Amino acid sequence: PGWIRYMEYNFSDQLDHLSSCKSPQQMFGALVKNYLPGKINVDAKKIFHISIMPCTAKKFEANRKEMGGDYGKDVDVVLTTREAAKLFKMRGINLATIEEEDFDSLMGLGTGAARIFGTT
């Protein structure tokens, strides 16, 4: 994300030494666009993937040309947590009052680790 752009701008001669691994946001976006269509029998081009992240650099990352395929972008839109909170407030959605439901384990089991991601 942000540090990749920093390296490109300040140390372009060192880019060959960077990991080619995508960030968790982009890895999940690639899974959504490549794995999910086969599971639910839907064309990847019809899937609109939204990511809610705490960092504005994720918006830049999602728009990089190498973050997608012939189906389009891995992550179509990134909302910051602040933007998501404003959207919920505008729509009258109070997350504290929403009734709990069973976890949707479409892609596997969850650990709860994502709860701390936006606060670290």
PDB file of N, CA and C in Angstrom:
ATOM      1  N   PRO A   1       0.825  -1.210   0.000  1.00  0.00           N
ATOM      2  CA  PRO A   1       0.000   0.000   0.000  1.00  0.00           C
ATOM      3  C   PRO A   1       0.862   1.264   0.000  1.00  0.00           C
ATOM      4  N   GLY A   2       0.823   2.025   1.057  1.00  0.00           N
ATOM      5  CA  GLY A   2       1.542   3.292   1.089  1.00  0.00           C
ATOM      6  C   GLY A   2       3.044   3.143   0.969  1.00  0.00           C
ATOM      7  N   TRP A   3       3.585   2.141   1.630  1.00  0.00           N
ATOM      8  CA  TRP A   3       5.050   1.992   1.595  1.00  0.00           C
ATOM      9  C   TRP A   3       5.528   1.505   0.239  1.00  0.00           C
ATOM     10  N   ILE A   4       4.697   0.799  -0.504  1.00  0.00           N
ATOM     11  CA  ILE A   4       5.067   0.381  -1.864  1.00  0.00           C
ATOM     12  C   ILE A   4       5.241   1.629  -2.732  1.00  0.00           C
ATOM     13  N   ARG A   5       4.292   2.554  -2.625  1.00  0.00           N
ATOM     14  CA  ARG A   5       4.386   3.805  -3.387  1.00  0.00           C
ATOM     15  C   ARG A   5       5.620   4.589  -2.959  1.00  0.00           C
ATOM     16  N   TYR A   6       5.913   4.586  -1.672  1.00  0.00           N
ATOM     17  CA  TYR A   6       7.106   5.260  -1.157  1.00  0.00           C
ATOM     18  C   TYR A   6       8.359   4.665  -1.797  1.00  0.00           C
ATOM     19  N   MET A   7       8.430   3.346  -1.856  1.00  0.00           N
ATOM     20  CA  MET A   7       9.585   2.675  -2.473  1.00  0.00           C
ATOM     21  C   MET A   7       9.673   3.006  -3.963  1.00  0.00           C
ATOM     22  N   GLU A   8       8.551   2.967  -4.661  1.00  0.00           N
ATOM     23  CA  GLU A   8       8.549   3.280  -6.090  1.00  0.00           C
ATOM     24  C   GLU A   8       9.065   4.695  -6.343  1.00  0.00           C
ATOM     25  N   TYR A   9       8.694   5.604  -5.494  1.00  0.00           N
ATOM     26  CA  TYR A   9       9.068   7.005  -5.671  1.00  0.00           C
ATOM     27  C   TYR A   9      10.507   7.288  -5.236  1.00  0.00           C
ATOM     28  N   ASN A  10      10.924   6.698  -4.108  1.00  0.00           N
ATOM     29  CA  ASN A  10      12.225   7.030  -3.520  1.00  0.00           C
ATOM     30  C   ASN A  10      13.338   6.019  -3.781  1.00  0.00           C
ATOM     31  N   PHE A  11      12.986   4.762  -3.967  1.00  0.00           N
ATOM     32  CA  PHE A  11      14.003   3.718  -4.111  1.00  0.00           C
ATOM     33  C   PHE A  11      13.640   2.754  -5.235  1.00  0.00           C
ATOM     34  N   SER A  12      13.352   3.287  -6.395  1.00  0.00           N
ATOM     35  CA  SER A  12      12.905   2.451  -7.513  1.00  0.00           C
ATOM     36  C   SER A  12      13.941   1.402  -7.903  1.00  0.00           C
ATOM     37  N   ASP A  13      15.204   1.644  -7.587  1.00  0.00           N
ATOM     38  CA  ASP A  13      16.247   0.667  -7.906  1.00  0.00           C
ATOM     39  C   ASP A  13      16.188  -0.557  -6.990  1.00  0.00           C
ATOM     40  N   GLN A  14      15.377  -0.515  -5.947  1.00  0.00           N
ATOM     41  CA  GLN A  14      15.280  -1.620  -4.989  1.00  0.00           C
ATOM     42  C   GLN A  14      13.986  -2.438  -5.138  1.00  0.00           C
ATOM     43  N   LEU A  15      13.171  -2.115  -6.114  1.00  0.00           N
ATOM     44  CA  LEU A  15      11.870  -2.767  -6.247  1.00  0.00           C
ATOM     45  C   LEU A  15      11.964  -4.275  -6.465  1.00  0.00           C
ATOM     46  N   ASP A  16      13.046  -4.737  -7.071  1.00  0.00           N
ATOM     47  CA  ASP A  16      13.208  -6.178  -7.299  1.00  0.00           C
ATOM     48  C   ASP A  16      13.343  -6.955  -5.990  1.00  0.00           C
ATOM     49  N   HIS A  17      13.617  -6.260  -4.899  1.00  0.00           N
ATOM     50  CA  HIS A  17      13.817  -6.916  -3.606  1.00  0.00           C
ATOM     51  C   HIS A  17      12.545  -6.983  -2.763  1.00  0.00           C
ATOM     52  N   LEU A  18      11.454  -6.428  -3.260  1.00  0.00           N
ATOM     53  CA  LEU A  18      10.195  -6.449  -2.523  1.00  0.00           C
ATOM     54  C   LEU A  18       9.465  -7.766  -2.745  1.00  0.00           C
ATOM     55  N   SER A  19       8.713  -8.175  -1.764  1.00  0.00           N
ATOM     56  CA  SER A  19       7.885  -9.369  -1.892  1.00  0.00           C
ATOM     57  C   SER A  19       6.810  -9.133  -2.948  1.00  0.00           C
ATOM     58  N   SER A  20       6.480 -10.162  -3.686  1.00  0.00           N
ATOM     59  CA  SER A  20       5.420 -10.053  -4.689  1.00  0.00           C
ATOM     60  C   SER A  20       4.057 -10.430  -4.104  1.00  0.00           C
ATOM     61  N   CYS A  21       4.024 -10.770  -2.817  1.00  0.00           N
ATOM     62  CA  CYS A  21       2.760 -11.143  -2.164  1.00  0.00           C
ATOM     63  C   CYS A  21       1.824  -9.946  -2.088  1.00  0.00           C
ATOM     64  N   LYS A  22       0.557 -10.203  -2.308  1.00  0.00           N
ATOM     65  CA  LYS A  22      -0.449  -9.159  -2.160  1.00  0.00           C
ATOM     66  C   LYS A  22      -0.772  -8.980  -0.677  1.00  0.00           C
ATOM     67  N   SER A  23      -1.371  -7.854  -0.350  1.00  0.00           N
ATOM     68  CA  SER A  23      -1.833  -7.614   1.016  1.00  0.00           C
ATOM     69  C   SER A  23      -3.038  -8.515   1.292  1.00  0.00           C
ATOM     70  N   PRO A  24      -3.420  -8.705   2.561  1.00  0.00           N
ATOM     71  CA  PRO A  24      -4.614  -9.502   2.859  1.00  0.00           C
ATOM     72  C   PRO A  24      -5.858  -8.995   2.129  1.00  0.00           C
ATOM     73  N   GLN A  25      -6.019  -7.674   2.032  1.00  0.00           N
ATOM     74  CA  GLN A  25      -7.171  -7.122   1.311  1.00  0.00           C
ATOM     75  C   GLN A  25      -7.189  -7.616  -0.131  1.00  0.00           C
ATOM     76  N   GLN A  26      -6.058  -7.537  -0.799  1.00  0.00           N
ATOM     77  CA  GLN A  26      -5.992  -7.904  -2.209  1.00  0.00           C
ATOM     78  C   GLN A  26      -6.036  -9.419  -2.408  1.00  0.00           C
ATOM     79  N   MET A  27      -5.464 -10.171  -1.473  1.00  0.00           N
ATOM     80  CA  MET A  27      -5.553 -11.634  -1.562  1.00  0.00           C
ATOM     81  C   MET A  27      -7.003 -12.077  -1.456  1.00  0.00           C
ATOM     82  N   PHE A  28      -7.735 -11.490  -0.504  1.00  0.00           N
ATOM     83  CA  PHE A  28      -9.137 -11.864  -0.351  1.00  0.00           C
ATOM     84  C   PHE A  28      -9.946 -11.429  -1.567  1.00  0.00           C
ATOM     85  N   GLY A  29      -9.641 -10.248  -2.105  1.00  0.00           N
ATOM     86  CA  GLY A  29     -10.325  -9.795  -3.312  1.00  0.00           C
ATOM     87  C   GLY A  29     -10.114 -10.752  -4.472  1.00  0.00           C
ATOM     88  N   ALA A  30      -8.883 -11.242  -4.622  1.00  0.00           N
ATOM     89  CA  ALA A  30      -8.586 -12.208  -5.688  1.00  0.00           C
ATOM     90  C   ALA A  30      -9.352 -13.509  -5.460  1.00  0.00           C
ATOM     91  N   LEU A  31      -9.461 -13.944  -4.198  1.00  0.00           N
ATOM     92  CA  LEU A  31     -10.248 -15.146  -3.890  1.00  0.00           C
ATOM     93  C   LEU A  31     -11.716 -14.934  -4.248  1.00  0.00           C
ATOM     94  N   VAL A  32     -12.245 -13.785  -3.874  1.00  0.00           N
ATOM     95  CA  VAL A  32     -13.647 -13.481  -4.160  1.00  0.00           C
ATOM     96  C   VAL A  32     -13.911 -13.525  -5.659  1.00  0.00           C
ATOM     97  N   LYS A  33     -12.998 -13.000  -6.456  1.00  0.00           N
ATOM     98  CA  LYS A  33     -13.220 -12.926  -7.899  1.00  0.00           C
ATOM     99  C   LYS A  33     -12.825 -14.204  -8.644  1.00  0.00           C
ATOM    100  N   ASN A  34     -11.986 -15.049  -8.028  1.00  0.00           N
ATOM    101  CA  ASN A  34     -11.532 -16.266  -8.715  1.00  0.00           C
ATOM    102  C   ASN A  34     -12.133 -17.554  -8.157  1.00  0.00           C
ATOM    103  N   TYR A  35     -12.344 -17.637  -6.856  1.00  0.00           N
ATOM    104  CA  TYR A  35     -12.854 -18.851  -6.216  1.00  0.00           C
ATOM    105  C   TYR A  35     -14.378 -18.830  -6.084  1.00  0.00           C
ATOM    106  N   LEU A  36     -14.905 -17.725  -5.594  1.00  0.00           N
ATOM    107  CA  LEU A  36     -16.334 -17.624  -5.312  1.00  0.00           C
ATOM    108  C   LEU A  36     -17.230 -17.848  -6.530  1.00  0.00           C
ATOM    109  N   PRO A  37     -16.913 -17.317  -7.710  1.00  0.00           N
ATOM    110  CA  PRO A  37     -17.800 -17.533  -8.856  1.00  0.00           C
ATOM    111  C   PRO A  37     -18.102 -19.010  -9.133  1.00  0.00           C
ATOM    112  N   GLY A  38     -17.107 -19.864  -8.982  1.00  0.00           N
ATOM    113  CA  GLY A  38     -17.328 -21.288  -9.196  1.00  0.00           C
ATOM    114  C   GLY A  38     -18.195 -21.924  -8.124  1.00  0.00           C
ATOM    115  N   LYS A  39     -18.113 -21.397  -6.894  1.00  0.00           N
ATOM    116  CA  LYS A  39     -18.908 -21.935  -5.785  1.00  0.00           C
ATOM    117  C   LYS A  39     -20.374 -21.543  -5.883  1.00  0.00           C
ATOM    118  N   ILE A  40     -20.647 -20.331  -6.386  1.00  0.00           N
ATOM    119  CA  ILE A  40     -22.032 -19.855  -6.419  1.00  0.00           C
ATOM    120  C   ILE A  40     -22.582 -19.736  -7.841  1.00  0.00           C
ATOM    121  N   ASN A  41     -21.777 -20.184  -8.815  1.00  0.00           N
ATOM    122  CA  ASN A  41     -22.188 -20.199 -10.217  1.00  0.00           C
ATOM    123  C   ASN A  41     -22.608 -18.810 -10.726  1.00  0.00           C
ATOM    124  N   VAL A  42     -21.716 -17.837 -10.510  1.00  0.00           N
ATOM    125  CA  VAL A  42     -21.938 -16.461 -10.961  1.00  0.00           C
ATOM    126  C   VAL A  42     -20.670 -15.982 -11.654  1.00  0.00           C
ATOM    127  N   ASP A  43     -20.822 -15.255 -12.741  1.00  0.00           N
ATOM    128  CA  ASP A  43     -19.684 -14.681 -13.448  1.00  0.00           C
ATOM    129  C   ASP A  43     -18.974 -13.676 -12.542  1.00  0.00           C
ATOM    130  N   ALA A  44     -17.651 -13.738 -12.478  1.00  0.00           N
ATOM    131  CA  ALA A  44     -16.861 -12.835 -11.634  1.00  0.00           C
ATOM    132  C   ALA A  44     -17.122 -11.372 -11.968  1.00  0.00           C
ATOM    133  N   LYS A  45     -17.453 -11.081 -13.212  1.00  0.00           N
ATOM    134  CA  LYS A  45     -17.718  -9.696 -13.611  1.00  0.00           C
ATOM    135  C   LYS A  45     -18.994  -9.154 -12.968  1.00  0.00           C
ATOM    136  N   LYS A  46     -19.838 -10.042 -12.457  1.00  0.00           N
ATOM    137  CA  LYS A  46     -21.080  -9.621 -11.805  1.00  0.00           C
ATOM    138  C   LYS A  46     -20.919  -9.454 -10.294  1.00  0.00           C
ATOM    139  N   ILE A  47     -19.739  -9.764  -9.784  1.00  0.00           N
ATOM    140  CA  ILE A  47     -19.483  -9.619  -8.344  1.00  0.00           C
ATOM    141  C   ILE A  47     -18.863  -8.253  -8.090  1.00  0.00           C
ATOM    142  N   PHE A  48     -19.442  -7.517  -7.156  1.00  0.00           N
ATOM    143  CA  PHE A  48     -18.923  -6.204  -6.757  1.00  0.00           C
ATOM    144  C   PHE A  48     -18.400  -6.342  -5.335  1.00  0.00           C
ATOM    145  N   HIS A  49     -17.093  -6.272  -5.200  1.00  0.00           N
ATOM    146  CA  HIS A  49     -16.436  -6.532  -3.913  1.00  0.00           C
ATOM    147  C   HIS A  49     -16.058  -5.220  -3.232  1.00  0.00           C
ATOM    148  N   ILE A  50     -16.591  -5.011  -2.020  1.00  0.00           N
ATOM    149  CA  ILE A  50     -16.303  -3.814  -1.231  1.00  0.00           C
ATOM    150  C   ILE A  50     -15.468  -4.216  -0.030  1.00  0.00           C
ATOM    151  N   SER A  51     -14.418  -3.461   0.212  1.00  0.00           N
ATOM    152  CA  SER A  51     -13.539  -3.696   1.351  1.00  0.00           C
ATOM    153  C   SER A  51     -13.658  -2.507   2.301  1.00  0.00           C
ATOM    154  N   ILE A  52     -13.807  -2.773   3.597  1.00  0.00           N
ATOM    155  CA  ILE A  52     -13.841  -1.714   4.605  1.00  0.00           C
ATOM    156  C   ILE A  52     -12.543  -1.803   5.386  1.00  0.00           C
ATOM    157  N   MET A  53     -11.720  -0.771   5.257  1.00  0.00           N
ATOM    158  CA  MET A  53     -10.373  -0.781   5.839  1.00  0.00           C
ATOM    159  C   MET A  53     -10.086   0.535   6.561  1.00  0.00           C
ATOM    160  N   PRO A  54      -9.170   0.503   7.544  1.00  0.00           N
ATOM    161  CA  PRO A  54      -8.872   1.717   8.307  1.00  0.00           C
ATOM    162  C   PRO A  54      -7.929   2.693   7.609  1.00  0.00           C
ATOM    163  N   CYS A  55      -7.251   2.264   6.575  1.00  0.00           N
ATOM    164  CA  CYS A  55      -6.186   3.075   5.977  1.00  0.00           C
ATOM    165  C   CYS A  55      -6.579   3.562   4.579  1.00  0.00           C
ATOM    166  N   THR A  56      -6.401   4.851   4.317  1.00  0.00           N
ATOM    167  CA  THR A  56      -6.745   5.397   2.998  1.00  0.00           C
ATOM    168  C   THR A  56      -5.820   4.875   1.904  1.00  0.00           C
ATOM    169  N   ALA A  57      -4.641   4.386   2.269  1.00  0.00           N
ATOM    170  CA  ALA A  57      -3.720   3.839   1.260  1.00  0.00           C
ATOM    171  C   ALA A  57      -4.308   2.600   0.586  1.00  0.00           C
ATOM    172  N   LYS A  58      -5.255   1.941   1.235  1.00  0.00           N
ATOM    173  CA  LYS A  58      -5.897   0.765   0.637  1.00  0.00           C
ATOM    174  C   LYS A  58      -6.692   1.138  -0.611  1.00  0.00           C
ATOM    175  N   LYS A  59      -7.185   2.375  -0.667  1.00  0.00           N
ATOM    176  CA  LYS A  59      -7.898   2.842  -1.854  1.00  0.00           C
ATOM    177  C   LYS A  59      -6.942   2.877  -3.045  1.00  0.00           C
ATOM    178  N   PHE A  60      -5.768   3.445  -2.817  1.00  0.00           N
ATOM    179  CA  PHE A  60      -4.738   3.509  -3.859  1.00  0.00           C
ATOM    180  C   PHE A  60      -4.340   2.098  -4.293  1.00  0.00           C
ATOM    181  N   GLU A  61      -4.122   1.226  -3.308  1.00  0.00           N
ATOM    182  CA  GLU A  61      -3.696  -0.143  -3.603  1.00  0.00           C
ATOM    183  C   GLU A  61      -4.717  -0.869  -4.478  1.00  0.00           C
ATOM    184  N   ALA A  62      -5.987  -0.749  -4.154  1.00  0.00           N
ATOM    185  CA  ALA A  62      -7.037  -1.447  -4.903  1.00  0.00           C
ATOM    186  C   ALA A  62      -7.132  -0.968  -6.343  1.00  0.00           C
ATOM    187  N   ASN A  63      -6.680   0.260  -6.604  1.00  0.00           N
ATOM    188  CA  ASN A  63      -6.761   0.818  -7.955  1.00  0.00           C
ATOM    189  C   ASN A  63      -5.512   0.600  -8.795  1.00  0.00           C
ATOM    190  N   ARG A  64      -4.518  -0.081  -8.249  1.00  0.00           N
ATOM    191  CA  ARG A  64      -3.303  -0.354  -9.027  1.00  0.00           C
ATOM    192  C   ARG A  64      -3.644  -1.311 -10.171  1.00  0.00           C
ATOM    193  N   LYS A  65      -3.021  -1.097 -11.307  1.00  0.00           N
ATOM    194  CA  LYS A  65      -3.358  -1.897 -12.498  1.00  0.00           C
ATOM    195  C   LYS A  65      -3.063  -3.380 -12.316  1.00  0.00           C
ATOM    196  N   GLU A  66      -2.097  -3.732 -11.474  1.00  0.00           N
ATOM    197  CA  GLU A  66      -1.753  -5.141 -11.300  1.00  0.00           C
ATOM    198  C   GLU A  66      -2.666  -5.868 -10.307  1.00  0.00           C
ATOM    199  N   MET A  67      -3.637  -5.163  -9.754  1.00  0.00           N
ATOM    200  CA  MET A  67      -4.534  -5.758  -8.762  1.00  0.00           C
ATOM    201  C   MET A  67      -5.872  -6.146  -9.381  1.00  0.00           C
ATOM    202  N   GLY A  68      -5.826  -7.063 -10.317  1.00  0.00           N
ATOM    203  CA  GLY A  68      -7.049  -7.525 -10.948  1.00  0.00           C
ATOM    204  C   GLY A  68      -6.743  -8.475 -12.084  1.00  0.00           C
ATOM    205  N   GLY A  69      -7.750  -8.739 -12.874  1.00  0.00           N
ATOM    206  CA  GLY A  69      -7.605  -9.656 -14.001  1.00  0.00           C
ATOM    207  C   GLY A  69      -8.583  -9.289 -15.096  1.00  0.00           C
ATOM    208  N   ASP A  70      -8.854 -10.229 -15.984  1.00  0.00           N
ATOM    209  CA  ASP A  70      -9.778  -9.949 -17.084  1.00  0.00           C
ATOM    210  C   ASP A  70     -11.210  -9.753 -16.591  1.00  0.00           C
ATOM    211  N   TYR A  71     -11.485 -10.073 -15.350  1.00  0.00           N
ATOM    212  CA  TYR A  71     -12.794  -9.874 -14.723  1.00  0.00           C
ATOM    213  C   TYR A  71     -12.937  -8.463 -14.157  1.00  0.00           C
ATOM    214  N   GLY A  72     -11.856  -7.693 -14.125  1.00  0.00           N
ATOM    215  CA  GLY A  72     -11.877  -6.355 -13.531  1.00  0.00           C
ATOM    216  C   GLY A  72     -10.970  -6.300 -12.313  1.00  0.00           C
ATOM    217  N   LYS A  73     -11.270  -5.393 -11.392  1.00  0.00           N
ATOM    218  CA  LYS A  73     -10.452  -5.219 -10.199  1.00  0.00           C
ATOM    219  C   LYS A  73     -10.756  -6.308  -9.171  1.00  0.00           C
ATOM    220  N   ASP A  74      -9.732  -6.710  -8.400  1.00  0.00           N
ATOM    221  CA  ASP A  74      -9.948  -7.664  -7.307  1.00  0.00           C
ATOM    222  C   ASP A  74     -10.879  -7.063  -6.259  1.00  0.00           C
ATOM    223  N   VAL A  75     -10.638  -5.821  -5.906  1.00  0.00           N
ATOM    224  CA  VAL A  75     -11.467  -5.085  -4.949  1.00  0.00           C
ATOM    225  C   VAL A  75     -12.036  -3.885  -5.698  1.00  0.00           C
ATOM    226  N   ASP A  76     -13.348  -3.844  -5.818  1.00  0.00           N
ATOM    227  CA  ASP A  76     -13.974  -2.796  -6.627  1.00  0.00           C
ATOM    228  C   ASP A  76     -13.991  -1.438  -5.930  1.00  0.00           C
ATOM    229  N   VAL A  77     -14.258  -1.428  -4.642  1.00  0.00           N
ATOM    230  CA  VAL A  77     -14.334  -0.184  -3.877  1.00  0.00           C
ATOM    231  C   VAL A  77     -13.770  -0.418  -2.485  1.00  0.00           C
ATOM    232  N   VAL A  78     -13.050   0.577  -1.980  1.00  0.00           N
ATOM    233  CA  VAL A  78     -12.575   0.544  -0.597  1.00  0.00           C
ATOM    234  C   VAL A  78     -13.211   1.710   0.144  1.00  0.00           C
ATOM    235  N   LEU A  79     -13.885   1.396   1.240  1.00  0.00           N
ATOM    236  CA  LEU A  79     -14.394   2.416   2.148  1.00  0.00           C
ATOM    237  C   LEU A  79     -13.506   2.420   3.379  1.00  0.00           C
ATOM    238  N   THR A  80     -13.158   3.600   3.871  1.00  0.00           N
ATOM    239  CA  THR A  80     -12.447   3.635   5.147  1.00  0.00           C
ATOM    240  C   THR A  80     -13.466   3.327   6.242  1.00  0.00           C
ATOM    241  N   THR A  81     -12.975   2.948   7.404  1.00  0.00           N
ATOM    242  CA  THR A  81     -13.880   2.669   8.524  1.00  0.00           C
ATOM    243  C   THR A  81     -14.679   3.924   8.874  1.00  0.00           C
ATOM    244  N   ARG A  82     -14.061   5.080   8.735  1.00  0.00           N
ATOM    245  CA  ARG A  82     -14.764   6.342   9.006  1.00  0.00           C
ATOM    246  C   ARG A  82     -15.888   6.556   7.989  1.00  0.00           C
ATOM    247  N   GLU A  83     -15.613   6.280   6.711  1.00  0.00           N
ATOM    248  CA  GLU A  83     -16.648   6.419   5.677  1.00  0.00           C
ATOM    249  C   GLU A  83     -17.786   5.436   5.917  1.00  0.00           C
ATOM    250  N   ALA A  84     -17.443   4.211   6.309  1.00  0.00           N
ATOM    251  CA  ALA A  84     -18.471   3.206   6.586  1.00  0.00           C
ATOM    252  C   ALA A  84     -19.343   3.652   7.762  1.00  0.00           C
ATOM    253  N   ALA A  85     -18.712   4.188   8.813  1.00  0.00           N
ATOM    254  CA  ALA A  85     -19.471   4.666   9.975  1.00  0.00           C
ATOM    255  C   ALA A  85     -20.426   5.790   9.573  1.00  0.00           C
ATOM    256  N   LYS A  86     -19.958   6.713   8.722  1.00  0.00           N
ATOM    257  CA  LYS A  86     -20.817   7.807   8.251  1.00  0.00           C
ATOM    258  C   LYS A  86     -21.979   7.264   7.425  1.00  0.00           C
ATOM    259  N   LEU A  87     -21.691   6.274   6.581  1.00  0.00           N
ATOM    260  CA  LEU A  87     -22.733   5.663   5.754  1.00  0.00           C
ATOM    261  C   LEU A  87     -23.785   4.976   6.627  1.00  0.00           C
ATOM    262  N   PHE A  88     -23.332   4.215   7.625  1.00  0.00           N
ATOM    263  CA  PHE A  88     -24.270   3.555   8.543  1.00  0.00           C
ATOM    264  C   PHE A  88     -25.137   4.595   9.253  1.00  0.00           C
ATOM    265  N   LYS A  89     -24.513   5.676   9.713  1.00  0.00           N
ATOM    266  CA  LYS A  89     -25.248   6.727  10.420  1.00  0.00           C
ATOM    267  C   LYS A  89     -26.278   7.374   9.499  1.00  0.00           C
ATOM    268  N   MET A  90     -25.874   7.677   8.245  1.00  0.00           N
ATOM    269  CA  MET A  90     -26.798   8.269   7.271  1.00  0.00           C
ATOM    270  C   MET A  90     -28.003   7.374   7.029  1.00  0.00           C
ATOM    271  N   ARG A  91     -27.778   6.068   7.023  1.00  0.00           N
ATOM    272  CA  ARG A  91     -28.847   5.101   6.743  1.00  0.00           C
ATOM    273  C   ARG A  91     -29.608   4.686   8.003  1.00  0.00           C
ATOM    274  N   GLY A  92     -29.226   5.258   9.157  1.00  0.00           N
ATOM    275  CA  GLY A  92     -29.916   4.933  10.407  1.00  0.00           C
ATOM    276  C   GLY A  92     -29.588   3.548  10.937  1.00  0.00           C
ATOM    277  N   ILE A  93     -28.413   3.038  10.600  1.00  0.00           N
ATOM    278  CA  ILE A  93     -28.003   1.704  11.053  1.00  0.00           C
ATOM    279  C   ILE A  93     -27.152   1.852  12.306  1.00  0.00           C
ATOM    280  N   ASN A  94     -27.620   1.269  13.400  1.00  0.00           N
ATOM    281  CA  ASN A  94     -26.880   1.280  14.657  1.00  0.00           C
ATOM    282  C   ASN A  94     -26.345  -0.130  14.882  1.00  0.00           C
ATOM    283  N   LEU A  95     -25.061  -0.319  14.665  1.00  0.00           N
ATOM    284  CA  LEU A  95     -24.474  -1.658  14.763  1.00  0.00           C
ATOM    285  C   LEU A  95     -24.644  -2.267  16.146  1.00  0.00           C
ATOM    286  N   ALA A  96     -24.727  -1.436  17.177  1.00  0.00           N
ATOM    287  CA  ALA A  96     -24.872  -1.946  18.544  1.00  0.00           C
ATOM    288  C   ALA A  96     -26.239  -2.587  18.776  1.00  0.00           C
ATOM    289  N   THR A  97     -27.223  -2.259  17.943  1.00  0.00           N
ATOM    290  CA  THR A  97     -28.573  -2.791  18.156  1.00  0.00           C
ATOM    291  C   THR A  97     -28.958  -3.889  17.165  1.00  0.00           C
ATOM    292  N   ILE A  98     -28.050  -4.229  16.279  1.00  0.00           N
ATOM    293  CA  ILE A  98     -28.354  -5.280  15.303  1.00  0.00           C
ATOM    294  C   ILE A  98     -28.311  -6.639  16.001  1.00  0.00           C
ATOM    295  N   GLU A  99     -29.318  -7.444  15.732  1.00  0.00           N
ATOM    296  CA  GLU A  99     -29.411  -8.765  16.345  1.00  0.00           C
ATOM    297  C   GLU A  99     -28.295  -9.677  15.833  1.00  0.00           C
ATOM    298  N   GLU A 100     -27.694 -10.419  16.739  1.00  0.00           N
ATOM    299  CA  GLU A 100     -26.613 -11.332  16.356  1.00  0.00           C
ATOM    300  C   GLU A 100     -27.141 -12.466  15.490  1.00  0.00           C
ATOM    301  N   GLU A 101     -26.286 -12.938  14.597  1.00  0.00           N
ATOM    302  CA  GLU A 101     -26.599 -14.077  13.733  1.00  0.00           C
ATOM    303  C   GLU A 101     -25.421 -15.023  13.734  1.00  0.00           C
ATOM    304  N   ASP A 102     -25.628 -16.228  13.236  1.00  0.00           N
ATOM    305  CA  ASP A 102     -24.528 -17.176  13.106  1.00  0.00           C
ATOM    306  C   ASP A 102     -23.515 -16.641  12.107  1.00  0.00           C
ATOM    307  N   PHE A 103     -22.257 -16.965  12.352  1.00  0.00           N
ATOM    308  CA  PHE A 103     -21.162 -16.552  11.479  1.00  0.00           C
ATOM    309  C   PHE A 103     -21.304 -17.219  10.121  1.00  0.00           C
ATOM    310  N   ASP A 104     -21.127 -16.455   9.062  1.00  0.00           N
ATOM    311  CA  ASP A 104     -21.181 -16.975   7.700  1.00  0.00           C
ATOM    312  C   ASP A 104     -19.800 -17.492   7.330  1.00  0.00           C
ATOM    313  N   SER A 105     -19.617 -18.796   7.334  1.00  0.00           N
ATOM    314  CA  SER A 105     -18.297 -19.383   7.084  1.00  0.00           C
ATOM    315  C   SER A 105     -18.132 -19.834   5.633  1.00  0.00           C
ATOM    316  N   LEU A 106     -18.546 -18.996   4.704  1.00  0.00           N
ATOM    317  CA  LEU A 106     -18.480 -19.311   3.279  1.00  0.00           C
ATOM    318  C   LEU A 106     -17.096 -19.764   2.834  1.00  0.00           C
ATOM    319  N   MET A 107     -16.049 -19.074   3.310  1.00  0.00           N
ATOM    320  CA  MET A 107     -14.691 -19.395   2.882  1.00  0.00           C
ATOM    321  C   MET A 107     -13.903 -20.157   3.947  1.00  0.00           C
ATOM    322  N   GLY A 108     -14.501 -20.475   5.060  1.00  0.00           N
ATOM    323  CA  GLY A 108     -13.791 -21.201   6.111  1.00  0.00           C
ATOM    324  C   GLY A 108     -14.144 -20.684   7.483  1.00  0.00           C
ATOM    325  N   LEU A 109     -13.335 -21.044   8.458  1.00  0.00           N
ATOM    326  CA  LEU A 109     -13.583 -20.668   9.839  1.00  0.00           C
ATOM    327  C   LEU A 109     -12.976 -19.312  10.156  1.00  0.00           C
ATOM    328  N   GLY A 110     -13.575 -18.606  11.073  1.00  0.00           N
ATOM    329  CA  GLY A 110     -13.054 -17.310  11.503  1.00  0.00           C
ATOM    330  C   GLY A 110     -12.396 -17.416  12.858  1.00  0.00           C
ATOM    331  N   THR A 111     -11.458 -16.512  13.125  1.00  0.00           N
ATOM    332  CA  THR A 111     -10.745 -16.520  14.402  1.00  0.00           C
ATOM    333  C   THR A 111     -11.118 -15.344  15.277  1.00  0.00           C
ATOM    334  N   GLY A 112     -11.731 -14.328  14.706  1.00  0.00           N
ATOM    335  CA  GLY A 112     -12.014 -13.117  15.461  1.00  0.00           C
ATOM    336  C   GLY A 112     -10.864 -12.127  15.425  1.00  0.00           C
ATOM    337  N   ALA A 113      -9.751 -12.482  14.796  1.00  0.00           N
ATOM    338  CA  ALA A 113      -8.574 -11.613  14.758  1.00  0.00           C
ATOM    339  C   ALA A 113      -8.849 -10.292  14.043  1.00  0.00           C
ATOM    340  N   ALA A 114      -9.809 -10.279  13.138  1.00  0.00           N
ATOM    341  CA  ALA A 114     -10.104  -9.049  12.396  1.00  0.00           C
ATOM    342  C   ALA A 114     -10.649  -7.953  13.293  1.00  0.00           C
ATOM    343  N   ARG A 115     -11.166  -8.325  14.458  1.00  0.00           N
ATOM    344  CA  ARG A 115     -11.720  -7.322  15.371  1.00  0.00           C
ATOM    345  C   ARG A 115     -10.679  -6.300  15.795  1.00  0.00           C
ATOM    346  N   ILE A 116      -9.416  -6.718  15.911  1.00  0.00           N
ATOM    347  CA  ILE A 116      -8.387  -5.786  16.372  1.00  0.00           C
ATOM    348  C   ILE A 116      -7.667  -5.091  15.223  1.00  0.00           C
ATOM    349  N   PHE A 117      -7.894  -5.520  13.981  1.00  0.00           N
ATOM    350  CA  PHE A 117      -7.145  -4.975  12.848  1.00  0.00           C
ATOM    351  C   PHE A 117      -7.302  -3.466  12.722  1.00  0.00           C
ATOM    352  N   GLY A 118      -8.525  -2.981  12.794  1.00  0.00           N
ATOM    353  CA  GLY A 118      -8.771  -1.557  12.599  1.00  0.00           C
ATOM    354  C   GLY A 118      -8.380  -0.682  13.775  1.00  0.00           C
ATOM    355  N   THR A 119      -7.963  -1.288  14.876  1.00  0.00           N
ATOM    356  CA  THR A 119      -7.613  -0.501  16.060  1.00  0.00           C
ATOM    357  C   THR A 119      -6.132  -0.518  16.362  1.00  0.00           C
ATOM    358  N   THR A 120      -5.357  -1.251  15.583  1.00  0.00           N
ATOM    359  CA  THR A 120      -3.918  -1.326  15.861  1.00  0.00           C
ATOM    360  C   THR A 120      -3.155  -0.308  15.056  1.00  0.00           C
TER     361      THR A 120
END
